[in-house]
Amino acid sequence: MDGVGYEEAFNAYSRAIELALTNAPAFSNRGGFRANADELDEGNEDLDKAILLDPNYHQSFAAR
């Protein structure tokens, strides 16, 4: 993954979270993205937050 594409995607997910701190899908998507970018600890933190916010959003469990 190139640095520019990573940075743009990361910033977009982070902005979505800033706009809605309870948005489980945004945390889940950023967490999965981070995990795929070899940022496992940070990705798992986001996924844990998504699970806490909405335990019924099963994509978070799948990404974890």
C-alpha atoms as a PDB file:
ATOM      1  CA  MET A   1       0.000   0.000   0.000  1.00  0.00           C
ATOM      2  CA  ASP A   2       1.463   3.339  -0.958  1.00  0.00           C
ATOM      3  CA  GLY A   3       1.888   6.047   1.642  1.00  0.00           C
ATOM      4  CA  VAL A   4      -0.379   8.569  -0.061  1.00  0.00           C
ATOM      5  CA  GLY A   5      -3.320   6.166  -0.433  1.00  0.00           C
ATOM      6  CA  TYR A   6      -2.886   5.009   3.144  1.00  0.00           C
ATOM      7  CA  GLU A   7      -2.808   8.536   4.487  1.00  0.00           C
ATOM      8  CA  GLU A   8      -5.915   9.592   2.555  1.00  0.00           C
ATOM      9  CA  ALA A   9      -7.894   6.554   3.671  1.00  0.00           C
ATOM     10  CA  PHE A  10      -6.751   6.840   7.279  1.00  0.00           C
ATOM     11  CA  ASN A  11      -7.672  10.529   7.340  1.00  0.00           C
ATOM     12  CA  ALA A  12     -11.112   9.815   5.869  1.00  0.00           C
ATOM     13  CA  TYR A  13     -11.883   7.151   8.484  1.00  0.00           C
ATOM     14  CA  SER A  14     -10.553   9.381  11.262  1.00  0.00           C
ATOM     15  CA  ARG A  15     -12.661  12.312  10.070  1.00  0.00           C
ATOM     16  CA  ALA A  16     -15.786  10.133  10.059  1.00  0.00           C
ATOM     17  CA  ILE A  17     -15.022   9.175  13.660  1.00  0.00           C
ATOM     18  CA  GLU A  18     -14.522  12.820  14.648  1.00  0.00           C
ATOM     19  CA  LEU A  19     -17.936  13.660  13.202  1.00  0.00           C
ATOM     20  CA  ALA A  20     -19.673  10.806  15.029  1.00  0.00           C
ATOM     21  CA  LEU A  21     -17.808   9.379  18.013  1.00  0.00           C
ATOM     22  CA  THR A  22     -20.395   6.626  18.379  1.00  0.00           C
ATOM     23  CA  ASN A  23     -20.168   5.441  14.759  1.00  0.00           C
ATOM     24  CA  ALA A  24     -19.276   1.767  15.150  1.00  0.00           C
ATOM     25  CA  PRO A  25     -18.906   1.145  11.395  1.00  0.00           C
ATOM     26  CA  ALA A  26     -16.340   3.961  11.108  1.00  0.00           C
ATOM     27  CA  PHE A  27     -14.271   2.493  13.951  1.00  0.00           C
ATOM     28  CA  SER A  28     -14.659  -0.970  12.453  1.00  0.00           C
ATOM     29  CA  ASN A  29     -13.597   0.131   8.986  1.00  0.00           C
ATOM     30  CA  ARG A  30     -10.598   2.057  10.284  1.00  0.00           C
ATOM     31  CA  GLY A  31      -9.663  -0.883  12.498  1.00  0.00           C
ATOM     32  CA  GLY A  32      -9.776  -3.341   9.635  1.00  0.00           C
ATOM     33  CA  PHE A  33      -7.835  -0.932   7.462  1.00  0.00           C
ATOM     34  CA  ARG A  34      -5.152  -0.511  10.118  1.00  0.00           C
ATOM     35  CA  ALA A  35      -4.876  -4.247  10.647  1.00  0.00           C
ATOM     36  CA  ASN A  36      -4.396  -4.749   6.908  1.00  0.00           C
ATOM     37  CA  ALA A  37      -1.683  -2.085   7.000  1.00  0.00           C
ATOM     38  CA  ASP A  38       0.213  -4.092   9.671  1.00  0.00           C
ATOM     39  CA  GLU A  39      -0.865  -1.765  12.485  1.00  0.00           C
ATOM     40  CA  LEU A  40      -2.350  -4.604  14.478  1.00  0.00           C
ATOM     41  CA  ASP A  41      -2.426  -3.016  17.936  1.00  0.00           C
ATOM     42  CA  GLU A  42      -4.047   0.179  16.678  1.00  0.00           C
ATOM     43  CA  GLY A  43      -6.440  -1.774  14.489  1.00  0.00           C
ATOM     44  CA  ASN A  44      -7.518  -3.972  17.377  1.00  0.00           C
ATOM     45  CA  GLU A  45      -8.129  -0.893  19.546  1.00  0.00           C
ATOM     46  CA  ASP A  46     -10.473   0.512  16.905  1.00  0.00           C
ATOM     47  CA  LEU A  47     -12.210  -2.840  16.492  1.00  0.00           C
ATOM     48  CA  ASP A  48     -12.622  -3.190  20.266  1.00  0.00           C
ATOM     49  CA  LYS A  49     -14.206   0.281  20.358  1.00  0.00           C
ATOM     50  CA  ALA A  50     -16.548  -0.654  17.515  1.00  0.00           C
ATOM     51  CA  ILE A  51     -17.610  -3.807  19.364  1.00  0.00           C
ATOM     52  CA  LEU A  52     -18.285  -1.840  22.539  1.00  0.00           C
ATOM     53  CA  LEU A  53     -20.330   0.726  20.630  1.00  0.00           C
ATOM     54  CA  ASP A  54     -22.406  -1.824  18.729  1.00  0.00           C
ATOM     55  CA  PRO A  55     -22.041  -5.497  19.598  1.00  0.00           C
ATOM     56  CA  ASN A  56     -24.559  -6.304  16.854  1.00  0.00           C
ATOM     57  CA  TYR A  57     -22.292  -4.923  14.109  1.00  0.00           C
ATOM     58  CA  HIS A  58     -20.847  -8.314  13.261  1.00  0.00           C
ATOM     59  CA  GLN A  59     -18.284  -7.013  10.784  1.00  0.00           C
ATOM     60  CA  SER A  60     -16.202  -5.803  13.735  1.00  0.00           C
ATOM     61  CA  PHE A  61     -15.983  -9.323  15.134  1.00  0.00           C
ATOM     62  CA  ALA A  62     -15.095 -10.724  11.724  1.00  0.00           C
ATOM     63  CA  ALA A  63     -12.309  -8.163  11.266  1.00  0.00           C
ATOM     64  CA  ARG A  64     -10.979  -8.757  14.782  1.00  0.00           C
END
